[in-house]
Structures are given as C-alpha cells and as structure tokens.
C-alpha cells in the first residue's frame, strides 16, 4: 500500500478508470456479438447493428479505452464479414 497521499489518490483513480473501461469494453463486445449474429442470420437490422458496433468502437478510441489500431482491426473484421456475407447472398 502506498504511503504518499498523492499515490493513494492515484490508486483510487486507477481503480475507478479501470472499472469504467471494463464496463465500456463489455458493452462494446456485446454490440459486436449482436452485429455478428445479425450478419450471420441475415436479419433486416444487420446494417443498423453493424453501424452501432462501429460507432461504439470509434467512441472507445476517443475515450481512450482502445488503441486506434485495435479498433481498426475490430472494424475491419466486421466489415470483412459483412461484405463476404453480402457476396454469398448475391
């Protein structure tokens, strides 16, 4: 345990930020899973689910939860899946 007052404060802040980031990542993963399910099932709302997931990923980068390259990789895999499934339908 830290002895210095500012170090104790930083520990509290780090815990608070970690909890916030964890909640944000969890909701982001949920939206990604919903988008994947919607794309695979060919649901009518698949494009809406895809847009929501991409928007959440972009917001995670702005908030500092994800690195930009990590976000780009996630968005790329979603887009790749969407285009491949569209080609199969056509």
PDB file of N, CA and C in Angstrom:
ATOM      1  N   UNK A   1       0.841  -1.186   0.000  1.00  0.00           N
ATOM      2  CA  UNK A   1       0.000   0.000   0.000  1.00  0.00           C
ATOM      3  C   UNK A   1       0.880   1.240   0.000  1.00  0.00           C
ATOM      4  N   UNK A   2       0.429   2.226  -0.730  1.00  0.00           N
ATOM      5  CA  UNK A   2       1.195   3.465  -0.844  1.00  0.00           C
ATOM      6  C   UNK A   2       1.132   4.261   0.463  1.00  0.00           C
ATOM      7  N   UNK A   3       2.191   4.973   0.738  1.00  0.00           N
ATOM      8  CA  UNK A   3       2.241   5.823   1.926  1.00  0.00           C
ATOM      9  C   UNK A   3       1.992   7.288   1.597  1.00  0.00           C
ATOM     10  N   UNK A   4       2.339   7.685   0.389  1.00  0.00           N
ATOM     11  CA  UNK A   4       2.214   9.082  -0.012  1.00  0.00           C
ATOM     12  C   UNK A   4       0.755   9.369  -0.414  1.00  0.00           C
ATOM     13  N   UNK A   5       0.271  10.526   0.011  1.00  0.00           N
ATOM     14  CA  UNK A   5      -1.126  10.887  -0.203  1.00  0.00           C
ATOM     15  C   UNK A   5      -1.501  10.900  -1.679  1.00  0.00           C
ATOM     16  N   UNK A   6      -0.658  11.480  -2.512  1.00  0.00           N
ATOM     17  CA  UNK A   6      -0.967  11.550  -3.947  1.00  0.00           C
ATOM     18  C   UNK A   6      -0.966  10.160  -4.579  1.00  0.00           C
ATOM     19  N   UNK A   7      -0.120   9.268  -4.091  1.00  0.00           N
ATOM     20  CA  UNK A   7      -0.090   7.900  -4.618  1.00  0.00           C
ATOM     21  C   UNK A   7      -1.377   7.163  -4.259  1.00  0.00           C
ATOM     22  N   UNK A   8      -1.903   7.415  -3.060  1.00  0.00           N
ATOM     23  CA  UNK A   8      -3.176   6.806  -2.652  1.00  0.00           C
ATOM     24  C   UNK A   8      -4.301   7.299  -3.558  1.00  0.00           C
ATOM     25  N   UNK A   9      -4.273   8.593  -3.874  1.00  0.00           N
ATOM     26  CA  UNK A   9      -5.282   9.149  -4.759  1.00  0.00           C
ATOM     27  C   UNK A   9      -5.186   8.522  -6.149  1.00  0.00           C
ATOM     28  N   UNK A  10      -3.973   8.360  -6.647  1.00  0.00           N
ATOM     29  CA  UNK A  10      -3.785   7.781  -7.977  1.00  0.00           C
ATOM     30  C   UNK A  10      -4.293   6.340  -8.022  1.00  0.00           C
ATOM     31  N   UNK A  11      -4.123   5.605  -6.925  1.00  0.00           N
ATOM     32  CA  UNK A  11      -4.634   4.228  -6.877  1.00  0.00           C
ATOM     33  C   UNK A  11      -6.158   4.232  -6.998  1.00  0.00           C
ATOM     34  N   UNK A  12      -6.805   5.138  -6.277  1.00  0.00           N
ATOM     35  CA  UNK A  12      -8.268   5.241  -6.361  1.00  0.00           C
ATOM     36  C   UNK A  12      -8.710   5.598  -7.775  1.00  0.00           C
ATOM     37  N   UNK A  13      -8.017   6.547  -8.378  1.00  0.00           N
ATOM     38  CA  UNK A  13      -8.370   6.985  -9.732  1.00  0.00           C
ATOM     39  C   UNK A  13      -8.165   5.844 -10.734  1.00  0.00           C
ATOM     40  N   UNK A  14      -7.077   5.108 -10.567  1.00  0.00           N
ATOM     41  CA  UNK A  14      -6.799   3.989 -11.477  1.00  0.00           C
ATOM     42  C   UNK A  14      -7.879   2.921 -11.370  1.00  0.00           C
ATOM     43  N   UNK A  15      -8.324   2.640 -10.154  1.00  0.00           N
ATOM     44  CA  UNK A  15      -9.387   1.648  -9.966  1.00  0.00           C
ATOM     45  C   UNK A  15     -10.693   2.117 -10.594  1.00  0.00           C
ATOM     46  N   UNK A  16     -11.000   3.393 -10.408  1.00  0.00           N
ATOM     47  CA  UNK A  16     -12.227   3.947 -10.971  1.00  0.00           C
ATOM     48  C   UNK A  16     -12.192   3.899 -12.497  1.00  0.00           C
ATOM     49  N   UNK A  17     -11.055   4.284 -13.072  1.00  0.00           N
ATOM     50  CA  UNK A  17     -10.923   4.267 -14.530  1.00  0.00           C
ATOM     51  C   UNK A  17     -10.967   2.845 -15.075  1.00  0.00           C
ATOM     52  N   UNK A  18     -10.365   1.904 -14.361  1.00  0.00           N
ATOM     53  CA  UNK A  18     -10.376   0.503 -14.803  1.00  0.00           C
ATOM     54  C   UNK A  18     -11.801  -0.034 -14.828  1.00  0.00           C
ATOM     55  N   UNK A  19     -12.588   0.324 -13.808  1.00  0.00           N
ATOM     56  CA  UNK A  19     -13.977  -0.129 -13.769  1.00  0.00           C
ATOM     57  C   UNK A  19     -14.776   0.471 -14.927  1.00  0.00           C
ATOM     58  N   UNK A  20     -14.545   1.745 -15.202  1.00  0.00           N
ATOM     59  CA  UNK A  20     -15.245   2.407 -16.300  1.00  0.00           C
ATOM     60  C   UNK A  20     -14.861   1.776 -17.635  1.00  0.00           C
ATOM     61  N   UNK A  21     -13.566   1.537 -17.832  1.00  0.00           N
ATOM     62  CA  UNK A  21     -13.103   0.929 -19.077  1.00  0.00           C
ATOM     63  C   UNK A  21     -13.660  -0.473 -19.246  1.00  0.00           C
ATOM     64  N   UNK A  22     -13.721  -1.224 -18.147  1.00  0.00           N
ATOM     65  CA  UNK A  22     -14.231  -2.592 -18.215  1.00  0.00           C
ATOM     66  C   UNK A  22     -15.696  -2.591 -18.639  1.00  0.00           C
ATOM     67  N   UNK A  23     -16.486  -1.688 -18.068  1.00  0.00           N
ATOM     68  CA  UNK A  23     -17.899  -1.601 -18.425  1.00  0.00           C
ATOM     69  C   UNK A  23     -18.053  -1.204 -19.891  1.00  0.00           C
ATOM     70  N   UNK A  24     -17.233  -0.277 -20.347  1.00  0.00           N
ATOM     71  CA  UNK A  24     -17.330   0.180 -21.733  1.00  0.00           C
ATOM     72  C   UNK A  24     -16.936  -0.940 -22.698  1.00  0.00           C
ATOM     73  N   UNK A  25     -15.870  -1.664 -22.362  1.00  0.00           N
ATOM     74  CA  UNK A  25     -15.445  -2.770 -23.220  1.00  0.00           C
ATOM     75  C   UNK A  25     -16.513  -3.857 -23.271  1.00  0.00           C
ATOM     76  N   UNK A  26     -17.149  -4.101 -22.139  1.00  0.00           N
ATOM     77  CA  UNK A  26     -18.188  -5.122 -22.085  1.00  0.00           C
ATOM     78  C   UNK A  26     -19.351  -4.761 -22.996  1.00  0.00           C
ATOM     79  N   UNK A  27     -19.808  -3.521 -22.932  1.00  0.00           N
ATOM     80  CA  UNK A  27     -20.918  -3.114 -23.791  1.00  0.00           C
ATOM     81  C   UNK A  27     -20.503  -3.118 -25.259  1.00  0.00           C
ATOM     82  N   UNK A  28     -19.252  -2.779 -25.529  1.00  0.00           N
ATOM     83  CA  UNK A  28     -18.751  -2.798 -26.896  1.00  0.00           C
ATOM     84  C   UNK A  28     -18.731  -4.236 -27.439  1.00  0.00           C
ATOM     85  N   UNK A  29     -18.253  -5.168 -26.621  1.00  0.00           N
ATOM     86  CA  UNK A  29     -18.217  -6.566 -27.045  1.00  0.00           C
ATOM     87  C   UNK A  29     -19.615  -7.103 -27.285  1.00  0.00           C
ATOM     88  N   UNK A  30     -20.574  -6.671 -26.461  1.00  0.00           N
ATOM     89  CA  UNK A  30     -21.954  -7.097 -26.646  1.00  0.00           C
ATOM     90  C   UNK A  30     -22.493  -6.622 -27.994  1.00  0.00           C
ATOM     91  N   UNK A  31     -22.228  -5.371 -28.327  1.00  0.00           N
ATOM     92  CA  UNK A  31     -22.690  -4.842 -29.613  1.00  0.00           C
ATOM     93  C   UNK A  31     -22.013  -5.560 -30.782  1.00  0.00           C
ATOM     94  N   UNK A  32     -20.746  -5.897 -30.632  1.00  0.00           N
ATOM     95  CA  UNK A  32     -20.034  -6.619 -31.694  1.00  0.00           C
ATOM     96  C   UNK A  32     -20.649  -7.999 -31.888  1.00  0.00           C
ATOM     97  N   UNK A  33     -20.952  -8.680 -30.783  1.00  0.00           N
ATOM     98  CA  UNK A  33     -21.572 -10.003 -30.876  1.00  0.00           C
ATOM     99  C   UNK A  33     -22.946  -9.915 -31.525  1.00  0.00           C
ATOM    100  N   UNK A  34     -23.722  -8.885 -31.150  1.00  0.00           N
ATOM    101  CA  UNK A  34     -25.042  -8.711 -31.757  1.00  0.00           C
ATOM    102  C   UNK A  34     -24.921  -8.456 -33.255  1.00  0.00           C
ATOM    103  N   UNK A  35     -23.926  -7.674 -33.643  1.00  0.00           N
ATOM    104  CA  UNK A  35     -23.716  -7.398 -35.069  1.00  0.00           C
ATOM    105  C   UNK A  35     -23.336  -8.680 -35.806  1.00  0.00           C
ATOM    106  N   UNK A  36     -22.454  -9.484 -35.205  1.00  0.00           N
ATOM    107  CA  UNK A  36     -22.059 -10.743 -35.836  1.00  0.00           C
ATOM    108  C   UNK A  36     -23.247 -11.676 -36.009  1.00  0.00           C
ATOM    109  N   UNK A  37     -24.079 -11.785 -34.983  1.00  0.00           N
ATOM    110  CA  UNK A  37     -25.263 -12.652 -35.062  1.00  0.00           C
ATOM    111  C   UNK A  37     -26.228 -12.142 -36.127  1.00  0.00           C
ATOM    112  N   UNK A  38     -26.429 -10.831 -36.160  1.00  0.00           N
ATOM    113  CA  UNK A  38     -27.339 -10.248 -37.147  1.00  0.00           C
ATOM    114  C   UNK A  38     -26.824 -10.460 -38.564  1.00  0.00           C
ATOM    115  N   UNK A  39     -25.516 -10.332 -38.746  1.00  0.00           N
ATOM    116  CA  UNK A  39     -24.945 -10.533 -40.076  1.00  0.00           C
ATOM    117  C   UNK A  39     -25.063 -11.986 -40.510  1.00  0.00           C
ATOM    118  N   UNK A  40     -24.777 -12.899 -39.602  1.00  0.00           N
ATOM    119  CA  UNK A  40     -24.832 -14.320 -39.954  1.00  0.00           C
ATOM    120  C   UNK A  40     -26.247 -14.790 -40.231  1.00  0.00           C
ATOM    121  N   UNK A  41     -27.213 -14.251 -39.496  1.00  0.00           N
ATOM    122  CA  UNK A  41     -28.593 -14.673 -39.694  1.00  0.00           C
ATOM    123  C   UNK A  41     -29.250 -13.965 -40.868  1.00  0.00           C
ATOM    124  N   UNK A  42     -28.606 -12.907 -41.357  1.00  0.00           N
ATOM    125  CA  UNK A  42     -29.162 -12.159 -42.476  1.00  0.00           C
ATOM    126  C   UNK A  42     -30.364 -11.328 -42.065  1.00  0.00           C
ATOM    127  N   UNK A  43     -30.387 -10.895 -40.826  1.00  0.00           N
ATOM    128  CA  UNK A  43     -31.508 -10.112 -40.315  1.00  0.00           C
ATOM    129  C   UNK A  43     -31.604  -8.769 -41.038  1.00  0.00           C
ATOM    130  N   UNK A  44     -32.805  -8.205 -41.010  1.00  0.00           N
ATOM    131  CA  UNK A  44     -33.023  -6.919 -41.680  1.00  0.00           C
ATOM    132  C   UNK A  44     -32.262  -5.794 -40.985  1.00  0.00           C
ATOM    133  N   UNK A  45     -32.076  -5.919 -39.676  1.00  0.00           N
ATOM    134  CA  UNK A  45     -31.409  -4.861 -38.919  1.00  0.00           C
ATOM    135  C   UNK A  45     -29.902  -5.074 -38.826  1.00  0.00           C
ATOM    136  N   UNK A  46     -29.339  -5.895 -39.691  1.00  0.00           N
ATOM    137  CA  UNK A  46     -27.915  -6.199 -39.609  1.00  0.00           C
ATOM    138  C   UNK A  46     -27.052  -4.965 -39.870  1.00  0.00           C
ATOM    139  N   UNK A  47     -27.476  -4.117 -40.810  1.00  0.00           N
ATOM    140  CA  UNK A  47     -26.693  -2.912 -41.091  1.00  0.00           C
ATOM    141  C   UNK A  47     -26.755  -1.926 -39.930  1.00  0.00           C
ATOM    142  N   UNK A  48     -27.913  -1.859 -39.273  1.00  0.00           N
ATOM    143  CA  UNK A  48     -28.040  -0.986 -38.100  1.00  0.00           C
ATOM    144  C   UNK A  48     -27.160  -1.486 -36.961  1.00  0.00           C
ATOM    145  N   UNK A  49     -27.143  -2.806 -36.769  1.00  0.00           N
ATOM    146  CA  UNK A  49     -26.313  -3.387 -35.717  1.00  0.00           C
ATOM    147  C   UNK A  49     -24.837  -3.163 -36.014  1.00  0.00           C
ATOM    148  N   UNK A  50     -24.483  -3.261 -37.281  1.00  0.00           N
ATOM    149  CA  UNK A  50     -23.103  -3.027 -37.689  1.00  0.00           C
ATOM    150  C   UNK A  50     -22.702  -1.570 -37.431  1.00  0.00           C
ATOM    151  N   UNK A  51     -23.571  -0.641 -37.786  1.00  0.00           N
ATOM    152  CA  UNK A  51     -23.289   0.780 -37.554  1.00  0.00           C
ATOM    153  C   UNK A  51     -23.152   1.081 -36.067  1.00  0.00           C
ATOM    154  N   UNK A  52     -24.010   0.469 -35.255  1.00  0.00           N
ATOM    155  CA  UNK A  52     -23.955   0.701 -33.809  1.00  0.00           C
ATOM    156  C   UNK A  52     -22.646   0.177 -33.224  1.00  0.00           C
ATOM    157  N   UNK A  53     -22.216  -0.995 -33.684  1.00  0.00           N
ATOM    158  CA  UNK A  53     -20.971  -1.568 -33.186  1.00  0.00           C
ATOM    159  C   UNK A  53     -19.773  -0.713 -33.589  1.00  0.00           C
ATOM    160  N   UNK A  54     -19.755  -0.268 -34.833  1.00  0.00           N
ATOM    161  CA  UNK A  54     -18.644   0.562 -35.310  1.00  0.00           C
ATOM    162  C   UNK A  54     -18.613   1.894 -34.577  1.00  0.00           C
ATOM    163  N   UNK A  55     -19.783   2.470 -34.327  1.00  0.00           N
ATOM    164  CA  UNK A  55     -19.839   3.737 -33.596  1.00  0.00           C
ATOM    165  C   UNK A  55     -19.315   3.562 -32.175  1.00  0.00           C
ATOM    166  N   UNK A  56     -19.648   2.446 -31.548  1.00  0.00           N
ATOM    167  CA  UNK A  56     -19.188   2.189 -30.175  1.00  0.00           C
ATOM    168  C   UNK A  56     -17.670   1.984 -30.159  1.00  0.00           C
ATOM    169  N   UNK A  57     -17.149   1.312 -31.166  1.00  0.00           N
ATOM    170  CA  UNK A  57     -15.701   1.098 -31.257  1.00  0.00           C
ATOM    171  C   UNK A  57     -14.987   2.436 -31.436  1.00  0.00           C
ATOM    172  N   UNK A  58     -15.512   3.273 -32.332  1.00  0.00           N
ATOM    173  CA  UNK A  58     -14.911   4.593 -32.547  1.00  0.00           C
ATOM    174  C   UNK A  58     -14.940   5.425 -31.275  1.00  0.00           C
ATOM    175  N   UNK A  59     -16.025   5.344 -30.548  1.00  0.00           N
ATOM    176  CA  UNK A  59     -16.151   6.109 -29.307  1.00  0.00           C
ATOM    177  C   UNK A  59     -15.155   5.601 -28.262  1.00  0.00           C
ATOM    178  N   UNK A  60     -14.876   4.303 -28.280  1.00  0.00           N
ATOM    179  CA  UNK A  60     -13.908   3.732 -27.336  1.00  0.00           C
ATOM    180  C   UNK A  60     -12.520   4.303 -27.587  1.00  0.00           C
ATOM    181  N   UNK A  61     -12.188   4.551 -28.843  1.00  0.00           N
ATOM    182  CA  UNK A  61     -10.889   5.146 -29.172  1.00  0.00           C
ATOM    183  C   UNK A  61     -10.831   6.575 -28.642  1.00  0.00           C
ATOM    184  N   UNK A  62     -11.905   7.319 -28.835  1.00  0.00           N
ATOM    185  CA  UNK A  62     -11.945   8.706 -28.372  1.00  0.00           C
ATOM    186  C   UNK A  62     -11.811   8.775 -26.853  1.00  0.00           C
ATOM    187  N   UNK A  63     -12.442   7.836 -26.168  1.00  0.00           N
ATOM    188  CA  UNK A  63     -12.398   7.827 -24.706  1.00  0.00           C
ATOM    189  C   UNK A  63     -11.095   7.250 -24.161  1.00  0.00           C
ATOM    190  N   UNK A  64     -10.285   6.666 -25.027  1.00  0.00           N
ATOM    191  CA  UNK A  64      -9.014   6.107 -24.582  1.00  0.00           C
ATOM    192  C   UNK A  64      -9.114   4.696 -24.050  1.00  0.00           C
ATOM    193  N   UNK A  65     -10.216   4.030 -24.326  1.00  0.00           N
ATOM    194  CA  UNK A  65     -10.402   2.651 -23.860  1.00  0.00           C
ATOM    195  C   UNK A  65      -9.649   1.685 -24.764  1.00  0.00           C
ATOM    196  N   UNK A  66      -9.634   1.960 -26.067  1.00  0.00           N
ATOM    197  CA  UNK A  66      -8.962   1.107 -27.050  1.00  0.00           C
ATOM    198  C   UNK A  66      -7.891   1.903 -27.785  1.00  0.00           C
ATOM    199  N   UNK A  67      -6.881   1.200 -28.240  1.00  0.00           N
ATOM    200  CA  UNK A  67      -5.887   1.791 -29.123  1.00  0.00           C
ATOM    201  C   UNK A  67      -6.488   1.872 -30.522  1.00  0.00           C
ATOM    202  N   UNK A  68      -6.070   2.851 -31.298  1.00  0.00           N
ATOM    203  CA  UNK A  68      -6.678   3.047 -32.617  1.00  0.00           C
ATOM    204  C   UNK A  68      -6.455   1.864 -33.547  1.00  0.00           C
ATOM    205  N   UNK A  69      -5.316   1.205 -33.444  1.00  0.00           N
ATOM    206  CA  UNK A  69      -5.064   0.049 -34.305  1.00  0.00           C
ATOM    207  C   UNK A  69      -5.945  -1.137 -33.910  1.00  0.00           C
ATOM    208  N   UNK A  70      -6.170  -1.292 -32.614  1.00  0.00           N
ATOM    209  CA  UNK A  70      -7.060  -2.349 -32.136  1.00  0.00           C
ATOM    210  C   UNK A  70      -8.473  -2.100 -32.663  1.00  0.00           C
ATOM    211  N   UNK A  71      -8.916  -0.871 -32.604  1.00  0.00           N
ATOM    212  CA  UNK A  71     -10.238  -0.514 -33.107  1.00  0.00           C
ATOM    213  C   UNK A  71     -10.324  -0.747 -34.613  1.00  0.00           C
ATOM    214  N   UNK A  72      -9.280  -0.379 -35.328  1.00  0.00           N
ATOM    215  CA  UNK A  72      -9.267  -0.569 -36.784  1.00  0.00           C
ATOM    216  C   UNK A  72      -9.367  -2.054 -37.124  1.00  0.00           C
ATOM    217  N   UNK A  73      -8.690  -2.880 -36.348  1.00  0.00           N
ATOM    218  CA  UNK A  73      -8.741  -4.329 -36.584  1.00  0.00           C
ATOM    219  C   UNK A  73     -10.151  -4.870 -36.340  1.00  0.00           C
ATOM    220  N   UNK A  74     -10.792  -4.409 -35.280  1.00  0.00           N
ATOM    221  CA  UNK A  74     -12.151  -4.863 -34.975  1.00  0.00           C
ATOM    222  C   UNK A  74     -13.137  -4.423 -36.060  1.00  0.00           C
ATOM    223  N   UNK A  75     -13.030  -3.166 -36.482  1.00  0.00           N
ATOM    224  CA  UNK A  75     -13.929  -2.660 -37.520  1.00  0.00           C
ATOM    225  C   UNK A  75     -13.686  -3.371 -38.847  1.00  0.00           C
ATOM    226  N   UNK A  76     -12.428  -3.642 -39.139  1.00  0.00           N
ATOM    227  CA  UNK A  76     -12.092  -4.314 -40.384  1.00  0.00           C
ATOM    228  C   UNK A  76     -12.677  -5.721 -40.435  1.00  0.00           C
ATOM    229  N   UNK A  77     -12.587  -6.426 -39.321  1.00  0.00           N
ATOM    230  CA  UNK A  77     -13.117  -7.791 -39.306  1.00  0.00           C
ATOM    231  C   UNK A  77     -14.637  -7.783 -39.453  1.00  0.00           C
ATOM    232  N   UNK A  78     -15.301  -6.809 -38.845  1.00  0.00           N
ATOM    233  CA  UNK A  78     -16.751  -6.698 -39.006  1.00  0.00           C
ATOM    234  C   UNK A  78     -17.120  -6.384 -40.459  1.00  0.00           C
ATOM    235  N   UNK A  79     -16.403  -5.451 -41.063  1.00  0.00           N
ATOM    236  CA  UNK A  79     -16.685  -5.068 -42.445  1.00  0.00           C
ATOM    237  C   UNK A  79     -16.410  -6.222 -43.401  1.00  0.00           C
ATOM    238  N   UNK A  80     -15.341  -6.952 -43.120  1.00  0.00           N
ATOM    239  CA  UNK A  80     -14.991  -8.097 -43.962  1.00  0.00           C
ATOM    240  C   UNK A  80     -16.085  -9.155 -43.905  1.00  0.00           C
ATOM    241  N   UNK A  81     -16.588  -9.401 -42.705  1.00  0.00           N
ATOM    242  CA  UNK A  81     -17.655 -10.383 -42.550  1.00  0.00           C
ATOM    243  C   UNK A  81     -18.918  -9.916 -43.277  1.00  0.00           C
ATOM    244  N   UNK A  82     -19.230  -8.625 -43.165  1.00  0.00           N
ATOM    245  CA  UNK A  82     -20.421  -8.087 -43.818  1.00  0.00           C
ATOM    246  C   UNK A  82     -20.340  -8.217 -45.340  1.00  0.00           C
ATOM    247  N   UNK A  83     -19.186  -7.874 -45.907  1.00  0.00           N
ATOM    248  CA  UNK A  83     -19.064  -7.958 -47.374  1.00  0.00           C
ATOM    249  C   UNK A  83     -19.052  -9.398 -47.864  1.00  0.00           C
ATOM    250  N   UNK A  84     -18.422 -10.297 -47.101  1.00  0.00           N
ATOM    251  CA  UNK A  84     -18.389 -11.687 -47.529  1.00  0.00           C
ATOM    252  C   UNK A  84     -19.781 -12.299 -47.492  1.00  0.00           C
ATOM    253  N   UNK A  85     -20.575 -11.944 -46.502  1.00  0.00           N
ATOM    254  CA  UNK A  85     -21.940 -12.473 -46.422  1.00  0.00           C
ATOM    255  C   UNK A  85     -22.834 -11.859 -47.495  1.00  0.00           C
ATOM    256  N   UNK A  86     -22.588 -10.610 -47.868  1.00  0.00           N
ATOM    257  CA  UNK A  86     -23.351  -9.987 -48.942  1.00  0.00           C
ATOM    258  C   UNK A  86     -23.049 -10.648 -50.271  1.00  0.00           C
ATOM    259  N   UNK A  87     -21.788 -11.031 -50.467  1.00  0.00           N
ATOM    260  CA  UNK A  87     -21.411 -11.703 -51.708  1.00  0.00           C
ATOM    261  C   UNK A  87     -22.056 -13.075 -51.809  1.00  0.00           C
ATOM    262  N   UNK A  88     -22.164 -13.772 -50.665  1.00  0.00           N
ATOM    263  CA  UNK A  88     -22.798 -15.085 -50.665  1.00  0.00           C
ATOM    264  C   UNK A  88     -24.270 -14.992 -51.015  1.00  0.00           C
ATOM    265  N   UNK A  89     -24.930 -13.916 -50.543  1.00  0.00           N
ATOM    266  CA  UNK A  89     -26.345 -13.741 -50.815  1.00  0.00           C
ATOM    267  C   UNK A  89     -26.603 -13.421 -52.282  1.00  0.00           C
ATOM    268  N   UNK A  90     -25.684 -12.703 -52.894  1.00  0.00           N
ATOM    269  CA  UNK A  90     -25.870 -12.296 -54.289  1.00  0.00           C
ATOM    270  C   UNK A  90     -25.578 -13.391 -55.283  1.00  0.00           C
TER     271      UNK A  90
END
